[in-house]
């Protein structure tokens, strides 16, 4: 039995997820818990932590999880690893997401069954006991199977009631597997075998004599059923019986009891091995099912939250990387939407066949927010999820890289500008053609002429290697220099500003302006401060101190 809800032909690593859950639980309790040879970022891009920080992914993971560590860990893994996704995998997941949103109650029911099954049988690994303790393995395997068979019945019942409501390839294959592998005859045969393996009438074991008169070829037999009638019983009293040989152990003969136990373990070894492996398979199936369903329950949770805030979402149109598509309507920063009470302003942009997008404009105009919204939408799209927009169409990218300005770190061994260069060098070492690079106020730690020249050379070199770059900058020389090239593959956006200085948080196409919007600063500090001085002297003093 295979769930195959995240990939068409392979399973998700559920053991990694359970290790990560254990680490989160131990950290929350203030304990130091280590797992040998376990890497929390295994399978993730080298810059996973930077992506999560720069794009503000924590609120997204929290909204998906709603307090469930399993959903949090799976969502983080799937979304941050999404840069390796392909068109087929994305289409496969999108179909499952669409059905999951349409039948959220059924998906939640399946997830609850998987979680309960895991909690019931969480514990030892049977495989470590198979060789040495067949009796222990057999007992544990019987207990495991008797517990999990009830959950298999629940899954089959859900499939019988709701399978016809789902149309996605992943869901139809999953429900077909449940119906095929868990039919009534199969379940009844499992229960019958488990009843026999309790050995309530003892074990019937045969063996042969091998070298040095040692036993070999141990074989476990079914104890024959004795359904005697009254006449058979009466006749048997007088019938001639074959000779029977036996022995009894003294009550305190511990050595004899141990010897018999060794013989018994040899006899039941094959049965214990087979049932132990079967029990592990069923247990692993429920672990995998829980992990893979966690992602879709997380999608449901996030979607419900956005619907409650009246924010739009859509399943995006995905194209091959070399088509270089990027266009959207109503795109907004979902992380911001999850942390504020009011609705977030969305943007409409057509950047199809554009290699470089430069965003300029006044401070607090929504430039950085726009940049994060594009990066977040690309990540969510490539993980197979819906995106926070009314419409979104984009090409796959081979990698997503962020170079955002960092706050000054007092512990830095070098200057802030050197730190920016080091991070850019790491990005250059990892980029591949058709990657997406998001630059936010890069190289603003030096003077404009030097920062513009360095950014120009790096950007030009990256464009020559088929990168797509979105750049937010206040460096006029940089922005205007690219504008003067008048290339059709360049797009220039500017944050809107009304006559009174109010921000619309909307971006529109426009030539970079040489102004630094000092008038805004003058009005916000000096004029507001002057007014405060006439009425509230203490407030003006505080404002002047923050200037």
Protein backbone atom coordinates (compact mmCIF):
# COMPACT_ATOMS: atom_id res chain seq x y z
CA UNK A 1 0.00 0.00 0.00
CA UNK A 2 1.38 3.36 -1.08
CA UNK A 3 -0.25 6.77 -0.60
CA UNK A 4 1.62 8.68 -3.34
CA UNK A 5 -0.14 11.98 -2.64
CA UNK A 6 2.89 14.25 -3.04
CA UNK A 7 4.65 12.41 -5.86
CA UNK A 8 3.17 10.16 -8.50
CA UNK A 9 5.87 7.50 -8.22
CA UNK A 10 7.58 7.88 -4.84
CA UNK A 11 6.91 8.57 -1.20
CA UNK A 12 7.83 11.47 1.06
CA UNK A 13 10.47 10.82 3.75
CA UNK A 14 8.23 10.44 6.78
CA UNK A 15 11.11 9.54 9.13
CA UNK A 16 12.72 12.95 8.49
CA UNK A 17 9.43 14.61 9.43
CA UNK A 18 9.07 12.71 12.70
CA UNK A 19 12.68 13.56 13.65
CA UNK A 20 12.02 17.24 12.93
CA UNK A 21 8.84 17.10 15.02
CA UNK A 22 10.83 15.62 17.91
CA UNK A 23 13.37 18.44 17.67
CA UNK A 24 10.63 21.10 17.71
CA UNK A 25 8.97 19.46 20.69
CA UNK A 26 12.23 19.26 22.63
CA UNK A 27 13.14 22.87 21.83
CA UNK A 28 9.72 24.03 22.99
CA UNK A 29 10.25 22.21 26.29
CA UNK A 30 13.70 23.69 26.77
CA UNK A 31 15.41 20.32 26.32
CA UNK A 32 18.44 19.48 24.22
CA UNK A 33 17.51 16.63 21.96
CA UNK A 34 19.89 15.35 19.31
CA UNK A 35 19.40 12.77 16.59
CA UNK A 36 22.63 11.32 15.16
CA UNK A 37 23.24 12.03 11.47
CA UNK A 38 20.06 14.10 11.17
CA UNK A 39 20.11 17.40 9.28
CA UNK A 40 17.07 19.66 9.63
CA UNK A 41 17.81 21.22 6.23
CA UNK A 42 18.39 17.93 4.43
CA UNK A 43 16.86 18.05 0.97
CA UNK A 44 16.46 21.84 1.08
CA UNK A 45 18.36 24.42 -0.97
CA UNK A 46 21.50 25.83 0.63
CA UNK A 47 19.81 29.21 1.17
CA UNK A 48 16.61 27.84 2.75
CA UNK A 49 17.02 29.86 5.95
CA UNK A 50 17.66 33.07 4.01
CA UNK A 51 14.57 32.45 1.86
CA UNK A 52 12.41 31.88 4.93
CA UNK A 53 13.72 35.08 6.55
CA UNK A 54 13.74 37.41 3.54
CA UNK A 55 10.35 36.32 2.22
CA UNK A 56 8.73 36.22 5.68
CA UNK A 57 7.60 32.61 5.50
CA UNK A 58 7.09 32.02 9.23
CA UNK A 59 3.51 33.44 9.33
CA UNK A 60 2.63 31.27 6.32
CA UNK A 61 3.87 28.10 8.02
CA UNK A 62 2.07 29.05 11.23
CA UNK A 63 -1.21 29.67 9.39
CA UNK A 64 -0.93 26.32 7.64
CA UNK A 65 -0.08 24.43 10.83
CA UNK A 66 -2.57 25.97 13.28
CA UNK A 67 -0.55 24.47 16.14
CA UNK A 68 0.13 21.08 14.52
CA UNK A 69 3.90 20.42 14.48
CA UNK A 70 3.54 17.78 11.79
CA UNK A 71 1.84 20.19 9.39
CA UNK A 72 4.39 22.93 10.18
CA UNK A 73 7.38 20.70 9.45
CA UNK A 74 5.91 19.20 6.28
CA UNK A 75 4.80 22.59 4.94
CA UNK A 76 8.24 24.08 5.51
CA UNK A 77 9.94 21.14 3.82
CA UNK A 78 7.65 20.99 0.79
CA UNK A 79 7.56 24.75 0.15
CA UNK A 80 11.26 25.46 0.62
CA UNK A 81 12.21 22.43 -1.49
CA UNK A 82 9.82 23.49 -4.24
CA UNK A 83 12.54 24.97 -6.44
CA UNK A 84 13.31 21.44 -7.62
CA UNK A 85 9.74 20.78 -8.74
CA UNK A 86 8.81 19.94 -12.31
CA UNK A 87 5.70 20.63 -14.39
CA UNK A 88 4.26 17.12 -13.96
CA UNK A 89 4.66 17.13 -10.17
CA UNK A 90 3.12 20.60 -9.89
CA UNK A 91 0.12 19.61 -12.04
CA UNK A 92 -0.26 16.39 -10.01
CA UNK A 93 -0.36 18.33 -6.72
CA UNK A 94 -2.59 21.09 -8.07
CA UNK A 95 -5.28 18.54 -8.87
CA UNK A 96 -5.05 17.13 -5.35
CA UNK A 97 -5.15 20.64 -3.84
CA UNK A 98 -8.24 21.52 -5.88
CA UNK A 99 -10.08 18.40 -4.70
CA UNK A 100 -8.88 18.94 -1.13
CA UNK A 101 -10.32 22.46 -1.01
CA UNK A 102 -13.60 21.20 -2.49
CA UNK A 103 -13.84 18.32 0.02
CA UNK A 104 -12.02 19.68 3.04
CA UNK A 105 -14.05 17.70 5.59
CA UNK A 106 -13.13 14.36 3.96
CA UNK A 107 -9.43 15.23 3.84
CA UNK A 108 -9.48 16.30 7.48
CA UNK A 109 -11.19 13.01 8.39
CA UNK A 110 -8.50 11.01 6.59
CA UNK A 111 -5.81 13.02 8.34
CA UNK A 112 -7.41 12.47 11.75
CA UNK A 113 -7.47 8.70 11.12
CA UNK A 114 -3.80 8.69 10.13
CA UNK A 115 -2.79 10.79 13.17
CA UNK A 116 -4.72 8.55 15.58
CA UNK A 117 -3.23 5.42 14.03
CA UNK A 118 0.28 6.81 14.48
CA UNK A 119 -0.36 7.82 18.06
CA UNK A 120 -1.72 4.36 18.88
CA UNK A 121 1.28 2.50 17.50
CA UNK A 122 4.10 4.98 18.09
CA UNK A 123 7.11 3.22 19.55
CA UNK A 124 9.52 0.42 18.84
CA UNK A 125 10.89 -0.62 15.48
CA UNK A 126 10.18 -4.27 14.94
CA UNK A 127 13.05 -4.82 12.52
CA UNK A 128 15.70 -4.63 15.25
CA UNK A 129 14.15 -7.59 17.04
CA UNK A 130 13.52 -9.95 14.13
CA UNK A 131 16.72 -12.00 14.38
CA UNK A 132 16.96 -12.53 18.14
CA UNK A 133 13.51 -12.50 19.72
CA UNK A 134 10.86 -14.06 17.46
CA UNK A 135 8.43 -14.46 20.36
CA UNK A 136 8.62 -10.73 21.21
CA UNK A 137 8.33 -9.80 17.55
CA UNK A 138 5.29 -12.00 17.11
CA UNK A 139 3.49 -10.55 20.13
CA UNK A 140 4.25 -6.96 19.14
CA UNK A 141 3.30 -7.60 15.50
CA UNK A 142 -0.03 -9.18 16.50
CA UNK A 143 -0.82 -6.24 18.77
CA UNK A 144 0.17 -3.76 16.05
CA UNK A 145 -1.90 -5.45 13.36
CA UNK A 146 -4.95 -5.85 15.60
CA UNK A 147 -4.77 -2.12 16.40
CA UNK A 148 -4.14 -0.89 12.87
CA UNK A 149 -6.67 -3.18 11.19
CA UNK A 150 -9.41 -1.05 12.75
CA UNK A 151 -7.94 2.07 11.15
CA UNK A 152 -7.64 0.29 7.80
CA UNK A 153 -11.36 -0.41 8.06
CA UNK A 154 -12.01 3.29 8.73
CA UNK A 155 -10.01 4.27 5.65
CA UNK A 156 -11.92 1.77 3.56
CA UNK A 157 -15.21 3.16 4.87
CA UNK A 158 -14.21 6.71 3.88
CA UNK A 159 -13.22 5.45 0.44
CA UNK A 160 -16.55 3.69 0.00
CA UNK A 161 -18.50 6.85 0.91
CA UNK A 162 -16.53 9.56 -0.86
CA UNK A 163 -14.26 8.13 -3.57
CA UNK A 164 -16.66 9.08 -6.37
CA UNK A 165 -16.51 12.75 -5.31
CA UNK A 166 -12.81 13.14 -6.17
CA UNK A 167 -11.50 13.57 -9.71
CA UNK A 168 -7.74 14.30 -9.32
CA UNK A 169 -5.38 11.57 -10.46
CA UNK A 170 -3.69 11.34 -7.06
CA UNK A 171 -6.95 10.97 -5.15
CA UNK A 172 -8.54 8.49 -7.56
CA UNK A 173 -5.42 6.30 -7.45
CA UNK A 174 -5.37 6.49 -3.65
CA UNK A 175 -9.00 5.50 -3.21
CA UNK A 176 -8.69 2.76 -5.84
CA UNK A 177 -5.74 1.34 -3.89
CA UNK A 178 -7.78 1.29 -0.68
CA UNK A 179 -10.67 -0.51 -2.36
CA UNK A 180 -8.38 -2.97 -4.12
CA UNK A 181 -5.99 -3.82 -1.28
CA UNK A 182 -8.45 -3.59 1.62
CA UNK A 183 -11.46 -5.52 0.36
CA UNK A 184 -13.58 -7.54 2.78
CA UNK A 185 -11.92 -10.88 1.97
CA UNK A 186 -8.46 -9.46 2.66
CA UNK A 187 -9.48 -7.98 6.01
CA UNK A 188 -11.22 -11.19 7.06
CA UNK A 189 -8.16 -13.25 6.14
CA UNK A 190 -5.92 -11.00 8.23
CA UNK A 191 -8.19 -11.32 11.24
CA UNK A 192 -8.32 -15.12 10.80
CA UNK A 193 -4.52 -15.39 10.63
CA UNK A 194 -4.10 -13.21 13.71
CA UNK A 195 -6.51 -15.43 15.60
CA UNK A 196 -4.47 -18.50 14.67
CA UNK A 197 -1.17 -16.85 15.59
CA UNK A 198 -2.32 -16.34 19.16
CA UNK A 199 -1.66 -20.12 19.51
CA UNK A 200 -4.37 -20.61 22.10
CA UNK A 201 -4.18 -24.39 21.47
CA UNK A 202 -0.38 -24.46 21.49
CA UNK A 203 2.10 -24.63 18.61
CA UNK A 204 2.59 -27.56 16.24
CA UNK A 205 6.21 -27.54 15.12
CA UNK A 206 8.12 -30.14 13.13
CA UNK A 207 11.87 -30.46 12.75
CA UNK A 208 14.48 -32.77 11.30
CA UNK A 209 17.68 -34.13 12.81
CA UNK A 210 20.77 -32.56 11.34
CA UNK A 211 24.51 -32.83 11.89
CA UNK A 212 25.60 -33.84 15.36
CA UNK A 213 21.96 -34.70 16.12
CA UNK A 214 21.07 -31.02 16.13
CA UNK A 215 17.61 -29.90 15.07
CA UNK A 216 17.12 -28.30 11.67
CA UNK A 217 14.38 -27.50 9.17
CA UNK A 218 12.02 -26.19 11.81
CA UNK A 219 8.53 -25.70 10.43
CA UNK A 220 5.39 -24.25 12.01
CA UNK A 221 2.13 -26.05 11.17
CA UNK A 222 -1.49 -25.14 11.63
CA UNK A 223 -3.02 -26.96 14.57
CA UNK A 224 -5.77 -29.17 13.03
CA UNK A 225 -9.28 -28.21 13.93
CA UNK A 226 -11.01 -30.82 16.11
CA UNK A 227 -14.71 -30.54 15.51
CA UNK A 228 -15.72 -33.84 17.15
CA UNK A 229 -19.31 -35.04 16.98
CA UNK A 230 -20.80 -37.08 19.82
CA UNK A 231 -20.47 -40.33 17.81
CA UNK A 232 -16.83 -39.57 16.93
CA UNK A 233 -16.11 -38.93 20.58
CA UNK A 234 -17.80 -42.20 21.67
CA UNK A 235 -16.05 -44.20 18.98
CA UNK A 236 -12.72 -42.65 19.84
CA UNK A 237 -12.91 -43.93 23.37
CA UNK A 238 -12.51 -47.50 22.13
CA UNK A 239 -10.47 -46.99 18.98
CA UNK A 240 -6.82 -48.01 18.90
CA UNK A 241 -4.60 -44.92 19.21
CA UNK A 242 -1.08 -44.42 17.84
CA UNK A 243 1.69 -44.17 20.41
CA UNK A 244 2.23 -40.71 21.83
CA UNK A 245 5.48 -39.62 23.42
CA UNK A 246 5.81 -36.65 25.68
CA UNK A 247 7.51 -35.27 28.72
CA UNK A 248 6.84 -32.86 31.50
CA UNK A 249 9.17 -30.28 33.02
CA UNK A 250 9.69 -29.97 36.71
CA UNK A 251 8.21 -26.72 38.04
CA UNK A 252 11.69 -25.34 38.82
CA UNK A 253 13.52 -26.58 35.74
CA UNK A 254 14.55 -23.17 34.37
CA UNK A 255 17.16 -24.60 32.02
CA UNK A 256 14.56 -26.91 30.47
CA UNK A 257 12.10 -24.07 30.07
CA UNK A 258 14.76 -21.98 28.34
CA UNK A 259 15.61 -24.86 26.02
CA UNK A 260 11.96 -25.26 25.06
CA UNK A 261 11.69 -21.52 24.47
CA UNK A 262 14.68 -21.70 22.12
CA UNK A 263 12.99 -24.51 20.18
CA UNK A 264 9.75 -22.56 20.06
CA UNK A 265 11.48 -19.41 18.79
CA UNK A 266 13.10 -21.43 16.02
CA UNK A 267 9.76 -22.88 15.07
CA UNK A 268 7.85 -19.59 14.99
CA UNK A 269 10.73 -17.56 13.57
CA UNK A 270 9.53 -17.49 9.98
CA UNK A 271 5.99 -16.60 10.98
CA UNK A 272 7.22 -13.88 13.35
CA UNK A 273 9.49 -12.48 10.64
CA UNK A 274 6.71 -12.36 8.06
CA UNK A 275 4.14 -10.84 10.40
CA UNK A 276 6.68 -8.38 11.78
CA UNK A 277 7.46 -7.09 8.29
CA UNK A 278 3.75 -6.88 7.48
CA UNK A 279 3.11 -4.88 10.65
CA UNK A 280 5.98 -2.51 9.82
CA UNK A 281 4.61 -2.03 6.34
CA UNK A 282 1.17 -1.09 7.64
CA UNK A 283 2.62 1.19 10.30
CA UNK A 284 4.86 2.90 7.74
CA UNK A 285 1.86 3.33 5.47
CA UNK A 286 0.00 5.26 8.16
CA UNK A 287 3.11 7.34 8.93
CA UNK A 288 3.52 8.23 5.25
CA UNK A 289 -0.19 8.94 4.91
CA UNK A 290 -0.11 11.30 7.88
CA UNK A 291 2.88 13.19 6.50
CA UNK A 292 1.56 13.53 2.95
CA UNK A 293 -1.94 14.51 4.06
CA UNK A 294 -0.42 17.11 6.39
CA UNK A 295 0.57 19.27 3.42
CA UNK A 296 -2.96 19.32 2.02
CA UNK A 297 -4.55 19.97 5.41
CA UNK A 298 -2.09 22.88 5.69
CA UNK A 299 -3.31 24.17 2.32
CA UNK A 300 -6.90 23.93 3.57
CA UNK A 301 -6.02 25.81 6.77
CA UNK A 302 -4.27 28.61 4.89
CA UNK A 303 -7.07 28.87 2.34
CA UNK A 304 -9.71 29.08 5.06
CA UNK A 305 -7.76 31.88 6.76
CA UNK A 306 -7.49 33.88 3.53
CA UNK A 307 -11.18 33.38 2.76
CA UNK A 308 -12.06 34.66 6.24
CA UNK A 309 -10.02 37.80 5.50
CA UNK A 310 -11.69 38.17 2.06
CA UNK A 311 -8.32 37.77 0.34
CA UNK A 312 -8.26 36.14 -3.13
CA UNK A 313 -6.29 33.07 -4.19
CA UNK A 314 -5.98 31.03 -7.37
CA UNK A 315 -4.26 28.00 -8.81
CA UNK A 316 -1.56 29.42 -11.07
CA UNK A 317 -0.71 28.62 -14.67
CA UNK A 318 2.77 27.13 -14.82
CA UNK A 319 5.00 27.12 -17.91
CA UNK A 320 8.44 25.75 -18.74
CA UNK A 321 11.46 27.69 -17.54
CA UNK A 322 12.61 28.77 -20.99
CA UNK A 323 9.26 30.49 -21.74
CA UNK A 324 10.13 33.27 -19.25
CA UNK A 325 6.57 34.12 -18.26
CA UNK A 326 5.56 36.30 -15.30
CA UNK A 327 2.22 38.09 -15.18
CA UNK A 328 -0.39 38.48 -12.48
CA UNK A 329 -3.36 40.44 -11.20
CA UNK A 330 -4.15 41.22 -7.59
CA UNK A 331 -0.89 39.71 -6.31
CA UNK A 332 -0.27 40.52 -2.64
CA UNK A 333 2.13 39.55 0.12
CA UNK A 334 0.37 36.68 1.88
CA UNK A 335 2.72 36.88 4.89
CA UNK A 336 1.72 40.52 5.38
CA UNK A 337 -1.96 39.70 4.93
CA UNK A 338 -1.69 37.16 7.75
CA UNK A 339 -0.23 39.69 10.19
CA UNK A 340 -2.47 42.74 9.67
CA UNK A 341 -6.20 43.16 10.17
CA UNK A 342 -7.01 45.16 7.03
CA UNK A 343 -6.87 43.88 3.46
CA UNK A 344 -3.59 44.12 1.61
CA UNK A 345 -3.26 46.02 -1.67
CA UNK A 346 -2.57 43.80 -4.67
CA UNK A 347 -0.67 44.63 -7.84
CA UNK A 348 -1.09 43.91 -11.54
CA UNK A 349 2.04 43.48 -13.66
CA UNK A 350 2.85 41.98 -17.06
CA UNK A 351 6.52 41.00 -17.03
CA UNK A 352 6.31 38.27 -19.66
CA UNK A 353 9.61 37.84 -21.53
CA UNK A 354 11.25 40.38 -19.22
CA UNK A 355 14.68 39.48 -17.85
CA UNK A 356 15.14 42.52 -15.60
CA UNK A 357 12.49 44.32 -13.56
CA UNK A 358 13.68 47.41 -11.66
CA UNK A 359 11.38 48.92 -9.02
CA UNK A 360 11.95 52.46 -7.79
CA UNK A 361 9.96 55.05 -5.86
CA UNK A 362 9.51 56.58 -2.41
CA UNK A 363 10.11 54.83 0.88
CA UNK A 364 7.19 52.90 2.38
CA UNK A 365 5.62 52.76 -1.07
CA UNK A 366 5.29 48.96 -1.15
CA UNK A 367 8.42 48.11 -3.16
CA UNK A 368 9.90 45.54 -0.77
CA UNK A 369 6.47 44.11 -0.09
CA UNK A 370 5.94 43.68 -3.82
CA UNK A 371 9.30 41.92 -4.16
CA UNK A 372 8.44 39.51 -1.35
CA UNK A 373 5.03 38.82 -2.89
CA UNK A 374 6.63 37.69 -6.16
CA UNK A 375 9.15 35.43 -4.43
CA UNK A 376 6.50 33.93 -2.15
CA UNK A 377 4.11 33.30 -5.03
CA UNK A 378 6.87 31.59 -7.02
CA UNK A 379 7.68 29.29 -4.08
CA UNK A 380 4.04 28.42 -3.46
CA UNK A 381 3.42 27.82 -7.16
CA UNK A 382 6.35 25.45 -7.50
CA UNK A 383 5.21 23.47 -4.46
CA UNK A 384 1.88 22.83 -6.18
CA UNK A 385 -0.18 25.22 -4.03
CA UNK A 386 -2.52 28.07 -4.81
CA UNK A 387 -1.02 31.57 -4.82
CA UNK A 388 -2.26 34.84 -3.24
CA UNK A 389 -3.55 36.55 -6.37
CA UNK A 390 -6.60 36.81 -8.60
CA UNK A 391 -4.54 35.51 -11.52
CA UNK A 392 -0.95 34.28 -11.70
CA UNK A 393 1.08 32.89 -14.58
CA UNK A 394 4.79 32.20 -14.34
CA UNK A 395 7.55 29.97 -15.63
CA UNK A 396 9.47 27.54 -13.48
CA UNK A 397 12.81 28.68 -12.15
CA UNK A 398 15.78 26.48 -11.29
CA UNK A 399 16.49 28.37 -8.11
CA UNK A 400 15.23 31.30 -6.04
CA UNK A 401 17.82 33.60 -4.47
CA UNK A 402 17.33 36.67 -2.28
CA UNK A 403 19.84 39.42 -1.58
CA UNK A 404 18.06 41.69 0.89
CA UNK A 405 19.72 44.37 2.95
CA UNK A 406 20.52 43.28 6.49
CA UNK A 407 20.40 45.26 9.69
CA UNK A 408 23.76 46.27 11.14
CA UNK A 409 25.23 43.50 13.27
CA UNK A 410 27.46 44.66 16.09
CA UNK A 411 29.21 41.28 16.07
CA UNK A 412 30.29 41.61 12.42
CA UNK A 413 34.00 41.10 11.85
CA UNK A 414 33.83 43.19 8.67
CA UNK A 415 31.79 46.09 7.39
CA UNK A 416 28.23 45.90 6.10
CA UNK A 417 29.33 46.43 2.51
CA UNK A 418 31.80 43.54 2.76
CA UNK A 419 29.02 41.35 4.15
CA UNK A 420 26.84 42.22 1.14
CA UNK A 421 29.63 41.22 -1.24
CA UNK A 422 30.16 37.90 0.56
CA UNK A 423 26.47 37.01 0.29
CA UNK A 424 26.41 37.95 -3.38
CA UNK A 425 29.47 35.79 -4.00
CA UNK A 426 27.65 32.81 -2.45
CA UNK A 427 24.66 33.40 -4.72
CA UNK A 428 26.88 33.56 -7.80
CA UNK A 429 28.47 30.25 -6.79
CA UNK A 430 25.06 28.52 -6.72
CA UNK A 431 23.02 30.10 -9.50
CA UNK A 432 21.97 28.14 -12.58
CA UNK A 433 20.33 29.33 -15.80
CA UNK A 434 16.67 30.29 -15.43
CA UNK A 435 17.04 31.17 -11.76
CA UNK A 436 15.07 33.98 -10.11
CA UNK A 437 17.12 36.56 -8.18
CA UNK A 438 15.45 39.13 -5.92
CA UNK A 439 17.61 42.13 -5.01
CA UNK A 440 16.34 44.48 -2.31
CA UNK A 441 18.43 47.63 -1.78
CA UNK A 442 21.61 45.74 -2.58
CA UNK A 443 24.90 47.63 -2.19
CA UNK A 444 23.23 50.61 -0.55
CA UNK A 445 25.84 50.45 2.22
CA UNK A 446 28.34 52.40 0.10
CA UNK A 447 28.11 55.64 -1.87
CA UNK A 448 25.78 55.81 -4.88
CA UNK A 449 28.43 55.85 -7.59
CA UNK A 450 30.35 52.86 -6.24
CA UNK A 451 27.20 50.90 -5.35
CA UNK A 452 25.64 51.58 -8.76
CA UNK A 453 28.75 50.44 -10.64
CA UNK A 454 29.14 47.23 -8.65
CA UNK A 455 25.43 46.41 -8.95
CA UNK A 456 25.51 47.17 -12.70
CA UNK A 457 28.41 44.81 -13.36
CA UNK A 458 26.93 41.98 -11.29
CA UNK A 459 23.46 42.40 -12.78
CA UNK A 460 24.80 42.49 -16.33
CA UNK A 461 26.86 39.33 -15.76
CA UNK A 462 23.85 37.49 -14.31
CA UNK A 463 21.60 38.53 -17.20
CA UNK A 464 24.15 37.13 -19.63
CA UNK A 465 23.73 33.75 -17.90
CA UNK A 466 19.94 33.69 -18.47
CA UNK A 467 18.88 34.83 -15.02
CA UNK A 468 15.66 36.69 -14.26
CA UNK A 469 16.24 39.57 -11.84
CA UNK A 470 13.81 41.73 -9.87
CA UNK A 471 15.57 44.66 -8.25
CA UNK A 472 14.33 47.22 -5.73
CA UNK A 473 16.76 50.12 -5.56
CA UNK A 474 17.21 53.79 -4.61
CA UNK A 475 20.40 53.98 -6.70
CA UNK A 476 19.32 56.36 -9.47
CA UNK A 477 22.52 55.92 -11.49
CA UNK A 478 21.93 52.16 -11.55
CA UNK A 479 18.23 52.33 -12.48
CA UNK A 480 18.59 55.11 -15.06
CA UNK A 481 21.65 53.46 -16.60
CA UNK A 482 19.63 50.36 -17.45
CA UNK A 483 16.70 52.53 -18.55
CA UNK A 484 18.87 54.29 -21.12
CA UNK A 485 19.73 50.97 -22.76
CA UNK A 486 16.12 50.90 -24.01
CA UNK A 487 15.98 47.09 -24.14
CA UNK A 488 12.62 45.37 -24.63
CA UNK A 489 13.54 42.73 -22.06
CA UNK A 490 13.75 45.37 -19.28
CA UNK A 491 10.72 46.57 -17.29
CA UNK A 492 10.69 49.58 -14.97
CA UNK A 493 8.10 49.94 -12.23
CA UNK A 494 7.60 52.83 -9.85
CA UNK A 495 5.74 52.96 -6.54
CA UNK A 496 2.87 55.42 -6.84
CA UNK A 497 2.67 58.54 -4.71
CA UNK A 498 -0.21 61.01 -4.58
CA UNK A 499 0.23 64.78 -4.67
CA UNK A 500 -0.10 65.05 -0.90
CA UNK A 501 2.52 62.36 -0.39
CA UNK A 502 0.07 59.58 0.47
CA UNK A 503 1.10 56.09 -0.65
CA UNK A 504 -1.20 53.96 -2.80
CA UNK A 505 1.05 50.86 -2.54
CA UNK A 506 0.38 50.34 -6.25
CA UNK A 507 3.16 49.89 -8.77
CA UNK A 508 2.97 51.21 -12.32
CA UNK A 509 5.33 51.30 -15.26
CA UNK A 510 7.47 54.41 -15.21
CA UNK A 511 10.93 55.87 -15.74
CA UNK A 512 13.17 56.03 -12.68
CA UNK A 513 13.13 59.54 -11.16
CA UNK A 514 16.22 61.36 -9.86
CA UNK A 515 14.44 62.61 -6.73
CA UNK A 516 14.99 60.99 -3.36
CA UNK A 517 11.63 62.30 -2.13
CA UNK A 518 13.28 64.53 0.43
CA UNK A 519 10.11 66.63 0.51
CA UNK A 520 8.35 63.70 2.16
CA UNK A 521 10.99 63.55 4.86
CA UNK A 522 10.86 67.31 5.34
CA UNK A 523 7.08 67.30 5.79
CA UNK A 524 7.04 64.22 8.04
CA UNK A 525 9.76 65.54 10.34
CA UNK A 526 10.01 69.31 10.26
CA UNK A 527 6.46 70.43 9.51
CA UNK A 528 4.87 67.81 11.74
CA UNK A 529 7.48 68.60 14.37
CA UNK A 530 6.80 72.33 14.12
CA UNK A 531 3.09 71.78 14.60
CA UNK A 532 3.78 69.56 17.57
CA UNK A 533 6.06 72.24 19.03
CA UNK A 534 3.20 74.73 19.11
CA UNK A 535 0.86 72.38 20.93
CA UNK A 536 2.83 69.48 22.39
CA UNK A 537 6.42 70.50 23.16
CA UNK A 538 7.39 67.11 24.51
CA UNK A 539 6.23 65.30 21.36
CA UNK A 540 8.28 67.61 19.12
CA UNK A 541 11.33 67.02 21.26
CA UNK A 542 10.91 63.29 20.87
CA UNK A 543 10.42 63.61 17.12
CA UNK A 544 13.53 65.76 16.82
CA UNK A 545 15.49 63.22 18.76
CA UNK A 546 14.42 60.45 16.31
CA UNK A 547 15.34 62.52 13.26
